[in-house]
Each structure stands twice: as structure tokens, then as C-alpha cells.
Amino acid sequence: MIKYLTTASIIVILFSSICSGDVFKHRQSGEIFYGYPTNRRLGNKTRVYVEEDGKFKGKTVIIDEYDVTYDAKGRKKNLIVIGIDHQDIILSDTVSIALAKTIEEGANQGPRCIILEIDSPGGRGEYMKKICDAIKKTSNCPVVAFITGNKYGGAFSAAAGIALACDKIYIAPDAQIGTVAAPVETTGLQQDPTDWLDTFTPKSIASFGEYLSTFAEKKNRPAAMVMAMVDQNIEVVEVVTDEHGSRNFVHKGDKKPADAIEKTWSKKSKISPAKQDTEKDDDQQQYIYQLTLSAKDAVDYTKMADKIVSSRSEVIKDLQAEGVKVIVTSRIKFRVRKFAQSRAQLSKYYAAFKELEGQVEDIEKLMKEVSSAALKNRPSKEDERLRRIERKAYENRLQRSTGSRRKLRRRVYGERNGGNLTREEIANLEREMNETYIDPYLLQQRRLAVELAYTLNDLLIYYSRAAKIAKQYPGAMPKGKTLKNLQIKYNSAAAKRNSLGF
């Protein structure tokens, strides 16, 4: 049913005329006008647009003072189509927010209705909820779902949850609605079936079952079925509850002793050994239950969808909106493209992390080896004393021969001047001094320290760039990687670099 932001009772009609416009009748004065409301509020008043000679003018009214019914005259001659047909939409916080805003803003434009064309393997529960909340807020405009069943085969997990939040659900003959989508060729990030399951049907989504069940109650859909769409621990059975053959769908664990099981709807699947909890041997830890409904089962037997249709035009016909302009929004595609680019860039960064972190480990290992060798081959104290004396003699000779370094730098062609050494002789003397008195292990350690500092700097730059993208697109992080872990890596690398004294 259509929802309105009023505290008083309002009149609603059946879905057969769901795409009508609105007629406002003031309860006291009897004043009537045609138009459509928005979700914009100013105090106790609501922004509405009134139709006058084919044009819409805005004004604010206390909508609680009006009875609202529906009439095509009060709405624009268009409808909005939004596609939820890419695997990244419910995996990205940024994309899901953009989708939610598109729904809310679209509803405020006065279309006959909004059609969400859904073909998705699922996603994250918190992002699903943002989209469902937006649908719930569109009390001023009907939102219907059309499960198309193209690449992914229908609406699954979080995508099924979005469909269930809509006012009406249409489904294509070959589409399905359920828990788990069959793996298909993707961007290469979920090659393994287990990775696919973890990505598009995460365990965390089960906590949103109660949230979705509220939509089920409003639309007379079986709550157990709805919860099983997102919770793989729920085994749904159809039971006969009385002698008259009344049937109900329940979680098997909630079945009453007197109820006879007519059919088990959830398919029982054994969890991969790598996924099992080795500390518990409980049946719920060893198995998951997958619920997948065909279009016929969804419409005729479980009432999880309302009608089977073959195309968008059939949806529009059923909504009595033939002849209106169809506006297909491309806003989401742009966001999806940006998200996909960010995810690809993060994958490149993590590949760079691995290489640079390996280089850091190699350099640190060499530094330890050099330090160990220096301890084993350290010269005696007497040798060090003699070398210091000899070095001092070299320094004195250089000082007498060259004067200041500044004068040396100004000298040209290396000619002799007052008994001073030539440039070549000075260079040879300095080289001999360095070869004799500088510890080769110390030189090597210094060189390695400089190399380590440069490598850590490169690593910090990559960490910083990756963190910036991850903050904007948190769902773009590779599997098992988190922004918190990235920050820990950054802090550790920064501490190492600072300890080098550069």
C-alpha cells in the first residue's frame, strides 16, 4: 500500500491503480486541488506541487488537514526507471547512498511511479538498509520492483531485501528470488565459489532479517520466507495448521508439534570444511539453508511476488501508465564506474604494498647480516688507535696543503700555488684516507639505511593514497582488508622511517 507522511487517516487504493496522481480535499472547507506531495517538510507543513493548466506550482500545506486520494491528473506524465543491475551497487557505501538519493529525489519530481529493475547477486546489509529506508521514505510516490533475471538470474540476498521493501514486486518468468545467486563471470575478484558466497551473501546480513520482516507484514508476505532470504541458518517449511488444510510458512525450529510439514522450501547444503567452526559440532554450524524461488513459486505459492511479467512494457501496462515518458536514470552507472575504478586501483596498490613490503624485509635482513659481520670482524683497540693517529696526520697534511675548502673550490686547472698539492693529489690523498679509516661495514649499513628510508617513503605514499580511496569507497577494499589494518601498516612504516633519522 502507498504510505503518506500524515498522522491522520488517509485513503489508499489497490495496486491496480497504483500509478495515479493525487487529489487533495480539505476536510473543513471542501477545497480540492490536484497535485503531488514531496518529502520536503517545513515545520508542520509539507511541500506540494499543484497542477494548474498543465503546469505545477509549489506551495506548502498542512497535509494532515487533507484527505488524499489518487488521480492521474495530479501527476506528471512520466515514470522513472532505476537499474539495480550491477554487482557493485550493494557492495559500495557511496553507490548505495547515491541510489537512495536518486530514489528520494525522483519521488519528489512527481512521476507516476518509480520502477526499480533488479538483477543482482546481493551485497552488504547496511547498504541494503540505506536503499530500503529511502524506499520507505517515498510516501509521496509508489516504488515497484521488477526482477528481470538477466546476468545474475534475479534478486538474491540483499537485492531480494530491496525488492521486498517496494510497494509491489513483478518478476520475469525465468527469474528467481532467493538467498544465493549462482556464481557468474565477474571482475575477477570472486573467482572461488566460497568467495562469491562471502561477498554477496555475507553472514552479517542475517541481522537484518527482523528489519525486512516489517515489510513482509505490511504486504502480507510470509515473514519466515523473508527472513530466510538473508539468513542461511533458517530452514523454512510449509505446514498444515488445522483440519481445514490452512497452511503457513514457518522456521522449522518454530513448528508446533501438531503442525504437519507439507513441504520444505529451503535446500540444505553442507558448509565447506574450511568454513566450519571447528570448536562447535552443532548442526547449524555444519550446514546452511538456501532458499531459491522460481517466478511461479514466488507468485502462486508463497506470495513473495505479485505478478509474472515478461518485460518493462508489461509492468507499465499493469500499472496503467501506458503512453507516459519513461526516464531511465544513468546517475547510478557513473557511481558504479567510479567505484569499479577505485576497487581496481586499490588492488594495484595492494600489489605494490606486497612488493615494497618484501623489499623492506630484504633490506632489514641485510642490515642485520652486516651488523652481525661488523661485530665479528671489529678491529682491535690498538689498530683503531694507530688508524686514528694516521688519519690525523692525513688531515693535517691536507689542511696545510689546501687551506680552506672554499679556496680549493675556487682553484682552477690544478696548478701549484705556494707548495700546495694539485687537485689530483688532494683527491688521491682523500681517497687513501677514506679507504684506510672508514669502516666498510659502517658504509654498507649507511647505504642500506638510505635505501630503506626511500623504500619506506614510497610505501607511505601508497598507504596514504590507498587510505584516501578506501575512506571514500570502503567497499572497494580487497577481501579481508580493512581501513584500520591499513592505518596500522602506515603507522608502523612511519615509525621505522623516523627511527632511521632521515
Protein backbone atom coordinates (compact mmCIF):
# COMPACT_ATOMS: atom_id res chain seq x y z
CA MET A 1 0.00 0.00 0.00
CA ILE A 2 1.02 3.61 -0.50
CA LYS A 3 2.36 5.38 2.57
CA TYR A 4 1.94 9.11 3.36
CA LEU A 5 3.61 11.38 5.90
CA THR A 6 0.42 12.10 7.78
CA THR A 7 -0.75 11.31 11.27
CA ALA A 8 -4.37 11.27 10.27
CA SER A 9 -6.05 8.52 8.31
CA ILE A 10 -5.80 8.72 4.53
CA ILE A 11 -7.41 6.91 1.69
CA VAL A 12 -5.39 4.49 -0.37
CA ILE A 13 -6.37 2.36 -3.33
CA LEU A 14 -5.44 -1.03 -4.70
CA PHE A 15 -2.31 -1.61 -6.74
CA SER A 16 -4.38 -1.80 -9.89
CA SER A 17 -4.26 2.00 -9.98
CA ILE A 18 -1.01 2.45 -8.10
CA CYS A 19 0.34 4.94 -10.62
CA SER A 20 -2.40 7.54 -10.30
CA GLY A 21 -1.85 11.12 -9.27
CA ASP A 22 -3.22 12.77 -6.17
CA VAL A 23 -6.39 14.64 -5.27
CA PHE A 24 -6.26 16.77 -2.11
CA LYS A 25 -9.56 17.59 -0.40
CA HIS A 26 -9.58 19.85 2.65
CA ARG A 27 -11.67 18.30 5.40
CA GLN A 28 -13.12 21.60 6.67
CA SER A 29 -13.51 23.84 3.63
CA GLY A 30 -14.00 21.16 0.99
CA GLU A 31 -11.32 22.82 -1.17
CA ILE A 32 -9.99 20.43 -3.84
CA PHE A 33 -6.80 20.61 -5.86
CA TYR A 34 -4.75 18.19 -7.92
CA GLY A 35 -1.03 17.74 -7.46
CA TYR A 36 1.59 15.67 -5.74
CA PRO A 37 3.35 15.91 -2.38
CA THR A 38 7.07 15.73 -1.71
CA ASN A 39 9.09 14.57 1.26
CA ARG A 40 10.20 18.11 1.98
CA ARG A 41 8.89 19.45 5.29
CA LEU A 42 8.94 22.91 6.81
CA GLY A 43 7.77 22.69 10.39
CA ASN A 44 4.34 21.03 10.32
CA LYS A 45 3.88 21.82 6.62
CA THR A 46 4.65 19.71 3.56
CA ARG A 47 5.80 20.97 0.19
CA VAL A 48 3.31 20.03 -2.54
CA TYR A 49 3.03 20.90 -6.22
CA VAL A 50 -0.37 21.93 -7.52
CA GLU A 51 -1.41 21.33 -11.13
CA GLU A 52 -2.85 24.40 -12.85
CA ASP A 53 -3.42 24.37 -16.61
CA GLY A 54 -0.84 21.66 -17.18
CA LYS A 55 1.78 23.36 -15.02
CA PHE A 56 2.82 22.61 -11.45
CA LYS A 57 3.28 25.34 -8.85
CA GLY A 58 4.77 24.75 -5.44
CA LYS A 59 3.19 25.60 -2.11
CA THR A 60 3.23 24.35 1.48
CA VAL A 61 0.19 22.89 3.23
CA ILE A 62 -0.61 21.16 6.50
CA ILE A 63 -1.18 17.82 4.85
CA ASP A 64 -2.91 16.36 7.93
CA GLU A 65 -5.85 18.64 7.11
CA TYR A 66 -6.45 16.90 3.76
CA ASP A 67 -7.85 13.61 2.58
CA VAL A 68 -5.65 12.35 -0.22
CA THR A 69 -6.86 10.07 -3.00
CA TYR A 70 -5.30 9.36 -6.35
CA ASP A 71 -5.89 10.68 -9.82
CA ALA A 72 -3.58 10.76 -12.85
CA LYS A 73 -4.41 14.42 -13.32
CA GLY A 74 -2.30 15.26 -10.30
CA ARG A 75 0.96 13.75 -11.54
CA LYS A 76 3.42 14.30 -14.35
CA LYS A 77 3.20 12.12 -17.43
CA ASN A 78 6.40 10.25 -16.82
CA LEU A 79 7.87 7.47 -14.72
CA ILE A 80 11.42 6.85 -13.57
CA VAL A 81 13.35 3.60 -14.10
CA ILE A 82 16.39 2.89 -11.93
CA GLY A 83 18.54 -0.14 -12.60
CA ILE A 84 19.98 -2.20 -9.76
CA ASP A 85 21.76 -4.48 -12.17
CA HIS A 86 25.45 -4.35 -11.30
CA GLN A 87 27.27 -6.46 -8.72
CA ASP A 88 28.93 -3.41 -7.15
CA ILE A 89 25.80 -1.41 -6.26
CA ILE A 90 25.09 -3.05 -2.89
CA LEU A 91 28.80 -3.52 -2.16
CA SER A 92 29.56 0.20 -2.09
CA ASP A 93 28.54 2.70 0.55
CA THR A 94 28.97 5.57 -1.92
CA VAL A 95 26.91 3.90 -4.64
CA SER A 96 24.14 2.85 -2.25
CA ILE A 97 23.89 6.41 -0.90
CA ALA A 98 23.69 7.74 -4.47
CA LEU A 99 20.95 5.21 -5.26
CA ALA A 100 19.00 6.15 -2.13
CA LYS A 101 19.20 9.85 -3.04
CA THR A 102 18.13 9.10 -6.61
CA ILE A 103 15.00 7.35 -5.31
CA GLU A 104 14.12 10.14 -2.88
CA GLU A 105 14.80 12.94 -5.35
CA GLY A 106 12.94 11.10 -8.10
CA ALA A 107 9.88 10.73 -5.89
CA ASN A 108 9.85 14.49 -5.30
CA GLN A 109 9.60 15.16 -9.04
CA GLY A 110 6.04 13.85 -9.26
CA PRO A 111 6.38 10.84 -11.57
CA ARG A 112 3.58 8.31 -11.89
CA CYS A 113 5.88 5.84 -10.12
CA ILE A 114 9.46 4.62 -9.79
CA ILE A 115 10.42 1.21 -11.16
CA LEU A 116 13.49 -0.50 -9.73
CA GLU A 117 14.73 -3.06 -12.27
CA ILE A 118 16.64 -5.57 -10.15
CA ASP A 119 19.14 -8.19 -11.26
CA SER A 120 21.76 -8.58 -8.55
CA PRO A 121 23.57 -11.31 -6.57
CA GLY A 122 23.30 -9.33 -3.34
CA GLY A 123 25.65 -7.33 -1.18
CA ARG A 124 26.04 -5.86 2.29
CA GLY A 125 23.17 -5.48 4.74
CA GLU A 126 23.96 -1.94 5.88
CA TYR A 127 23.94 -0.71 2.28
CA MET A 128 20.72 -2.60 1.54
CA LYS A 129 19.11 -0.86 4.52
CA LYS A 130 20.02 2.60 3.23
CA ILE A 131 18.22 1.84 -0.02
CA CYS A 132 15.23 0.26 1.76
CA ASP A 133 14.97 3.29 4.07
CA ALA A 134 14.85 5.56 1.02
CA ILE A 135 12.02 3.45 -0.45
CA LYS A 136 10.21 3.63 2.87
CA LYS A 137 10.51 7.43 2.88
CA THR A 138 8.91 7.76 -0.55
CA SER A 139 5.48 8.05 0.95
CA ASN A 140 4.72 10.52 -1.81
CA CYS A 141 5.36 8.17 -4.73
CA PRO A 142 4.85 4.44 -5.44
CA VAL A 143 8.03 2.37 -5.86
CA VAL A 144 7.75 -1.02 -7.55
CA ALA A 145 10.34 -3.71 -8.23
CA PHE A 146 10.78 -5.59 -11.48
CA ILE A 147 13.07 -8.61 -11.05
CA THR A 148 14.42 -9.05 -14.56
CA GLY A 149 16.56 -12.16 -14.20
CA ASN A 150 19.30 -11.32 -16.67
CA LYS A 151 23.02 -11.86 -15.93
CA TYR A 152 22.61 -12.81 -12.27
CA GLY A 153 19.29 -14.58 -12.64
CA GLY A 154 17.16 -12.47 -10.33
CA ALA A 155 17.24 -10.81 -6.91
CA PHE A 156 19.19 -12.52 -4.14
CA SER A 157 20.09 -11.81 -0.54
CA ALA A 158 20.39 -8.02 -0.08
CA ALA A 159 18.87 -7.44 -3.54
CA ALA A 160 15.84 -9.52 -2.55
CA GLY A 161 15.57 -7.34 0.57
CA ILE A 162 15.36 -4.22 -1.61
CA ALA A 163 12.59 -5.78 -3.70
CA LEU A 164 10.66 -6.67 -0.55
CA ALA A 165 10.69 -3.02 0.55
CA CYS A 166 8.83 -1.98 -2.63
CA ASP A 167 5.09 -1.49 -2.90
CA LYS A 168 4.76 -4.23 -5.50
CA ILE A 169 7.03 -6.91 -6.94
CA TYR A 170 6.96 -8.02 -10.58
CA ILE A 171 9.14 -10.90 -11.71
CA ALA A 172 10.19 -12.20 -15.12
CA PRO A 173 9.21 -15.81 -16.00
CA ASP A 174 12.80 -17.10 -15.87
CA ALA A 175 13.92 -15.00 -12.89
CA GLN A 176 14.33 -16.13 -9.29
CA ILE A 177 14.26 -14.55 -5.86
CA GLY A 178 16.18 -16.07 -3.00
CA THR A 179 19.25 -16.42 -0.86
CA VAL A 180 22.18 -17.26 -3.13
CA ALA A 181 22.83 -16.42 -6.77
CA ALA A 182 24.73 -18.88 -8.91
CA PRO A 183 28.31 -17.60 -9.48
CA VAL A 184 28.86 -15.97 -12.85
CA GLU A 185 31.89 -14.43 -14.52
CA THR A 186 32.66 -11.19 -12.68
CA THR A 187 35.51 -8.70 -12.44
CA GLY A 188 37.83 -11.46 -11.24
CA LEU A 189 37.61 -10.65 -7.54
CA GLN A 190 35.37 -13.60 -6.63
CA GLN A 191 36.76 -16.50 -8.63
CA ASP A 192 36.17 -19.06 -5.89
CA PRO A 193 32.52 -20.03 -5.11
CA THR A 194 33.26 -19.54 -1.41
CA ASP A 195 34.49 -16.01 -2.09
CA TRP A 196 31.32 -15.37 -4.10
CA LEU A 197 29.19 -16.51 -1.16
CA ASP A 198 31.12 -14.40 1.34
CA THR A 199 30.97 -11.34 -0.90
CA PHE A 200 27.34 -11.32 -1.98
CA THR A 201 25.69 -13.25 0.86
CA PRO A 202 27.75 -12.22 3.91
CA LYS A 203 26.86 -13.64 7.30
CA SER A 204 26.38 -10.11 8.63
CA ILE A 205 23.26 -9.61 6.52
CA ALA A 206 21.34 -12.12 8.66
CA SER A 207 20.96 -9.46 11.36
CA PHE A 208 18.62 -7.53 9.03
CA GLY A 209 16.01 -10.29 8.91
CA GLU A 210 13.78 -8.67 11.54
CA TYR A 211 14.05 -5.35 9.74
CA LEU A 212 12.82 -6.87 6.46
CA SER A 213 10.06 -8.82 8.19
CA THR A 214 8.32 -5.50 8.93
CA PHE A 215 7.89 -5.01 5.17
CA ALA A 216 6.52 -8.54 4.91
CA GLU A 217 3.84 -7.86 7.49
CA LYS A 218 2.63 -4.76 5.66
CA LYS A 219 2.36 -6.60 2.35
CA ASN A 220 1.06 -9.95 3.66
CA ARG A 221 4.19 -11.87 2.67
CA PRO A 222 5.36 -14.80 4.82
CA ALA A 223 7.84 -13.41 7.36
CA ALA A 224 9.73 -16.71 7.61
CA MET A 225 10.39 -16.63 3.87
CA VAL A 226 11.57 -13.04 4.05
CA MET A 227 13.98 -13.74 6.89
CA ALA A 228 15.32 -16.85 5.14
CA MET A 229 16.26 -14.68 2.16
CA VAL A 230 19.03 -13.12 4.25
CA ASP A 231 19.66 -15.68 6.99
CA GLN A 232 21.11 -19.02 5.87
CA ASN A 233 20.53 -20.56 9.32
CA ILE A 234 16.76 -20.55 8.77
CA GLU A 235 15.13 -23.67 7.35
CA VAL A 236 11.67 -22.81 6.03
CA VAL A 237 8.90 -25.36 5.95
CA GLU A 238 5.28 -25.15 4.83
CA VAL A 239 2.95 -26.64 7.45
CA VAL A 240 -0.71 -27.56 7.65
CA THR A 241 -2.02 -25.86 10.78
CA ASP A 242 -5.58 -27.23 11.13
CA GLU A 243 -8.08 -29.75 9.89
CA HIS A 244 -9.31 -27.32 7.26
CA GLY A 245 -5.97 -27.51 5.46
CA SER A 246 -4.80 -24.00 6.38
CA ARG A 247 -1.15 -23.56 5.51
CA ASN A 248 1.61 -21.40 6.86
CA PHE A 249 5.34 -20.86 6.28
CA VAL A 250 7.47 -21.12 9.40
CA HIS A 251 11.03 -21.57 10.55
CA LYS A 252 11.36 -25.30 11.16
CA GLY A 253 12.50 -24.62 14.71
CA ASP A 254 9.21 -22.78 15.38
CA LYS A 255 6.97 -25.58 14.08
CA LYS A 256 4.33 -26.66 16.58
CA PRO A 257 4.01 -30.36 17.42
CA ALA A 258 0.53 -30.52 15.92
CA ASP A 259 1.64 -28.97 12.62
CA ALA A 260 2.23 -31.36 9.74
CA ILE A 261 5.04 -30.48 7.34
CA GLU A 262 3.68 -30.17 3.82
CA LYS A 263 6.91 -29.07 2.12
CA THR A 264 10.45 -27.99 2.96
CA TRP A 265 11.37 -24.93 0.92
CA SER A 266 15.00 -24.43 1.98
CA LYS A 267 17.70 -26.53 0.36
CA LYS A 268 20.18 -27.92 2.88
CA SER A 269 23.85 -27.56 1.92
CA LYS A 270 26.95 -28.70 3.79
CA ILE A 271 29.45 -26.00 4.65
CA SER A 272 32.92 -26.30 3.17
CA PRO A 273 35.35 -27.72 5.81
CA ALA A 274 37.37 -24.50 5.59
CA LYS A 275 34.27 -22.59 6.66
CA GLN A 276 33.20 -24.81 9.53
CA ASP A 277 33.60 -23.82 13.15
CA THR A 278 35.92 -26.50 14.50
CA GLU A 279 35.02 -25.66 18.09
CA LYS A 280 31.34 -26.46 17.62
CA ASP A 281 29.79 -29.56 16.15
CA ASP A 282 26.32 -28.19 16.06
CA ASP A 283 24.10 -28.77 13.03
CA GLN A 284 23.71 -25.05 12.46
CA GLN A 285 27.48 -24.73 12.15
CA GLN A 286 27.75 -27.61 9.70
CA TYR A 287 25.00 -26.66 7.25
CA ILE A 288 23.44 -23.66 5.55
CA TYR A 289 19.96 -23.43 4.08
CA GLN A 290 19.46 -21.89 0.66
CA LEU A 291 16.06 -20.61 -0.39
CA THR A 292 15.52 -20.03 -4.10
CA LEU A 293 12.07 -19.44 -5.55
CA SER A 294 11.13 -19.60 -9.21
CA ALA A 295 8.80 -16.94 -10.57
CA LYS A 296 5.85 -19.34 -10.35
CA ASP A 297 6.67 -20.36 -6.77
CA ALA A 298 7.17 -16.73 -5.78
CA VAL A 299 3.81 -15.61 -7.18
CA ASP A 300 1.44 -18.60 -6.99
CA TYR A 301 2.57 -20.48 -3.86
CA THR A 302 4.43 -18.18 -1.49
CA LYS A 303 3.12 -14.71 -2.44
CA MET A 304 6.68 -13.37 -2.32
CA ALA A 305 5.98 -11.57 -5.62
CA ASP A 306 2.78 -10.17 -7.10
CA LYS A 307 2.82 -10.88 -10.81
CA ILE A 308 4.84 -12.55 -13.57
CA VAL A 309 5.64 -10.22 -16.48
CA SER A 310 7.98 -10.59 -19.42
CA SER A 311 9.10 -7.00 -19.97
CA ARG A 312 9.14 -3.46 -18.70
CA SER A 313 6.29 -2.57 -21.07
CA GLU A 314 4.11 -5.21 -19.36
CA VAL A 315 4.94 -3.65 -15.98
CA ILE A 316 3.94 -0.23 -17.28
CA LYS A 317 0.73 -1.62 -18.76
CA ASP A 318 -0.19 -3.30 -15.48
CA LEU A 319 0.43 -0.02 -13.67
CA GLN A 320 -1.95 1.72 -16.08
CA ALA A 321 0.82 4.10 -17.15
CA GLU A 322 0.92 3.42 -20.88
CA GLY A 323 1.90 6.36 -23.03
CA VAL A 324 3.89 8.18 -20.36
CA LYS A 325 7.51 9.19 -20.87
CA VAL A 326 9.98 6.64 -19.47
CA ILE A 327 13.03 8.26 -17.84
CA VAL A 328 15.90 5.81 -17.34
CA THR A 329 18.41 7.35 -14.93
CA SER A 330 22.12 6.92 -15.64
CA ARG A 331 23.31 8.53 -12.42
CA ILE A 332 23.99 5.20 -10.74
CA LYS A 333 26.07 3.91 -13.66
CA PHE A 334 28.51 6.77 -13.18
CA ARG A 335 28.87 5.97 -9.48
CA VAL A 336 29.31 2.28 -10.19
CA ARG A 337 32.01 3.05 -12.74
CA LYS A 338 33.87 5.23 -10.24
CA PHE A 339 33.58 2.51 -7.60
CA ALA A 340 34.89 -0.14 -10.01
CA GLN A 341 37.83 2.10 -10.91
CA SER A 342 38.59 2.67 -7.24
CA ARG A 343 38.46 -1.04 -6.50
CA ALA A 344 40.83 -1.75 -9.40
CA GLN A 345 43.19 0.98 -8.18
CA LEU A 346 43.16 -0.41 -4.64
CA SER A 347 44.01 -3.85 -6.00
CA LYS A 348 47.03 -2.31 -7.75
CA TYR A 349 48.06 -0.55 -4.57
CA TYR A 350 47.89 -3.76 -2.57
CA ALA A 351 50.05 -5.48 -5.18
CA ALA A 352 52.54 -2.61 -4.77
CA PHE A 353 52.33 -2.98 -0.98
CA LYS A 354 53.32 -6.60 -1.24
CA GLU A 355 56.34 -5.82 -3.42
CA LEU A 356 57.55 -2.88 -1.31
CA GLU A 357 56.96 -4.67 1.98
CA GLY A 358 59.04 -7.54 0.61
CA GLN A 359 61.82 -5.09 -0.26
CA VAL A 360 61.70 -3.65 3.27
CA GLU A 361 62.05 -7.14 4.74
CA ASP A 362 65.03 -7.91 2.46
CA ILE A 363 66.83 -4.66 3.34
CA GLU A 364 66.26 -5.17 7.06
CA LYS A 365 67.61 -8.69 6.76
CA LEU A 366 70.76 -7.41 5.02
CA MET A 367 71.23 -4.74 7.68
CA LYS A 368 71.13 -7.41 10.38
CA GLU A 369 73.67 -9.51 8.47
CA VAL A 370 76.02 -6.53 8.05
CA SER A 371 75.69 -5.63 11.71
CA SER A 372 76.49 -9.22 12.69
CA ALA A 373 79.53 -9.29 10.37
CA ALA A 374 80.77 -5.98 11.80
CA LEU A 375 80.70 -7.41 15.32
CA LYS A 376 82.65 -10.49 14.24
CA ASN A 377 85.30 -8.52 12.34
CA ARG A 378 85.72 -5.48 14.57
CA PRO A 379 89.43 -4.29 14.67
CA SER A 380 91.40 -4.31 17.94
CA LYS A 381 91.62 -1.20 20.09
CA GLU A 382 95.34 -0.83 19.23
CA ASP A 383 94.55 -0.94 15.49
CA GLU A 384 91.90 1.69 15.97
CA ARG A 385 94.33 3.91 17.92
CA LEU A 386 97.03 3.67 15.20
CA ARG A 387 94.45 4.39 12.47
CA ARG A 388 93.22 7.45 14.30
CA ILE A 389 96.82 8.77 14.55
CA GLU A 390 97.44 8.11 10.87
CA ARG A 391 94.16 9.70 9.90
CA LYS A 392 95.01 12.80 11.89
CA ALA A 393 98.30 13.04 10.01
CA TYR A 394 96.47 12.89 6.67
CA GLU A 395 94.06 15.59 7.83
CA ASN A 396 96.88 17.86 8.95
CA ARG A 397 98.69 17.44 5.63
CA LEU A 398 95.50 18.25 3.72
CA GLN A 399 94.88 21.30 5.87
CA ARG A 400 98.40 22.64 5.30
CA SER A 401 98.33 21.93 1.60
CA THR A 402 94.89 23.24 0.62
CA GLY A 403 93.98 25.93 3.03
CA SER A 404 90.26 26.29 3.28
CA ARG A 405 87.82 24.23 1.26
CA ARG A 406 86.48 27.40 -0.22
CA LYS A 407 89.88 28.30 -1.69
CA LEU A 408 90.23 24.79 -3.02
CA ARG A 409 86.89 25.02 -4.81
CA ARG A 410 87.93 28.31 -6.41
CA ARG A 411 91.23 26.96 -7.75
CA VAL A 412 91.36 26.28 -11.49
CA TYR A 413 93.37 23.89 -13.65
CA GLY A 414 95.06 22.33 -10.59
CA GLU A 415 98.22 24.49 -10.82
CA ARG A 416 100.62 24.57 -7.85
CA ASN A 417 100.47 27.57 -5.56
CA GLY A 418 102.90 28.10 -2.68
CA GLY A 419 103.72 24.40 -2.37
CA ASN A 420 100.08 23.30 -2.18
CA LEU A 421 99.01 19.96 -3.68
CA THR A 422 97.28 19.68 -7.02
CA ARG A 423 93.64 18.71 -7.22
CA GLU A 424 94.61 15.21 -8.32
CA GLU A 425 97.00 14.77 -5.41
CA ILE A 426 94.39 16.03 -2.98
CA ALA A 427 91.80 13.64 -4.42
CA ASN A 428 94.21 10.70 -4.10
CA LEU A 429 95.10 11.69 -0.55
CA GLU A 430 91.43 11.91 0.45
CA ARG A 431 90.66 8.59 -1.20
CA GLU A 432 93.54 6.88 0.63
CA MET A 433 92.40 8.40 3.88
CA ASN A 434 88.80 7.21 3.39
CA GLU A 435 89.88 3.72 2.30
CA THR A 436 92.13 3.41 5.31
CA TYR A 437 89.96 4.89 8.02
CA ILE A 438 86.29 4.42 7.17
CA ASP A 439 84.77 1.18 8.40
CA PRO A 440 83.40 -0.68 5.31
CA TYR A 441 80.59 -2.19 7.43
CA LEU A 442 79.57 1.26 8.56
CA LEU A 443 79.44 2.44 4.95
CA GLN A 444 77.32 -0.52 3.93
CA GLN A 445 74.92 -0.05 6.82
CA ARG A 446 74.55 3.61 5.93
CA ARG A 447 73.84 2.79 2.31
CA LEU A 448 71.25 0.21 3.32
CA ALA A 449 69.65 2.67 5.75
CA VAL A 450 69.27 5.23 2.96
CA GLU A 451 67.77 2.59 0.67
CA LEU A 452 65.38 1.51 3.44
CA ALA A 453 64.30 5.11 4.04
CA TYR A 454 63.50 5.64 0.34
CA THR A 455 61.54 2.35 0.19
CA LEU A 456 59.56 3.23 3.33
CA ASN A 457 58.78 6.66 1.87
CA ASP A 458 57.38 5.03 -1.27
CA LEU A 459 55.35 2.64 0.89
CA LEU A 460 53.93 5.51 2.98
CA ILE A 461 52.86 7.34 -0.19
CA TYR A 462 50.99 4.25 -1.42
CA TYR A 463 49.43 3.65 2.02
CA SER A 464 48.22 7.24 2.12
CA ARG A 465 46.73 7.14 -1.39
CA ALA A 466 45.01 3.82 -0.70
CA ALA A 467 43.56 5.11 2.58
CA LYS A 468 42.11 8.13 0.79
CA ILE A 469 40.29 5.90 -1.72
CA ALA A 470 39.20 3.44 1.00
CA LYS A 471 37.60 6.23 3.03
CA GLN A 472 35.59 7.33 0.01
CA TYR A 473 34.78 3.81 -1.22
CA PRO A 474 35.04 1.45 1.82
CA GLY A 475 33.51 -1.47 -0.07
CA ALA A 476 36.30 -1.29 -2.66
CA MET A 477 38.87 -2.79 -0.31
CA PRO A 478 40.13 -6.27 -1.30
CA LYS A 479 38.68 -9.21 0.60
CA GLY A 480 39.91 -9.40 4.19
CA LYS A 481 41.46 -5.92 4.10
CA THR A 482 40.26 -3.05 6.28
CA LEU A 483 40.96 0.64 6.64
CA LYS A 484 42.01 0.04 10.25
CA ASN A 485 44.60 -2.51 9.15
CA LEU A 486 45.85 -0.06 6.53
CA GLN A 487 46.28 2.62 9.20
CA ILE A 488 48.25 0.19 11.38
CA LYS A 489 50.56 -0.54 8.44
CA TYR A 490 51.04 3.18 7.83
CA ASN A 491 51.90 3.89 11.48
CA SER A 492 54.38 1.01 11.60
CA ALA A 493 56.16 2.13 8.41
CA ALA A 494 56.28 5.75 9.61
CA ALA A 495 57.84 4.68 12.93
CA LYS A 496 60.53 2.68 11.10
CA ARG A 497 61.36 5.59 8.82
CA ASN A 498 61.57 8.04 11.72
CA SER A 499 63.87 5.71 13.64
CA LEU A 500 66.39 5.95 10.78
CA GLY A 501 66.88 9.65 11.47
CA PHE A 502 66.02 10.90 7.98
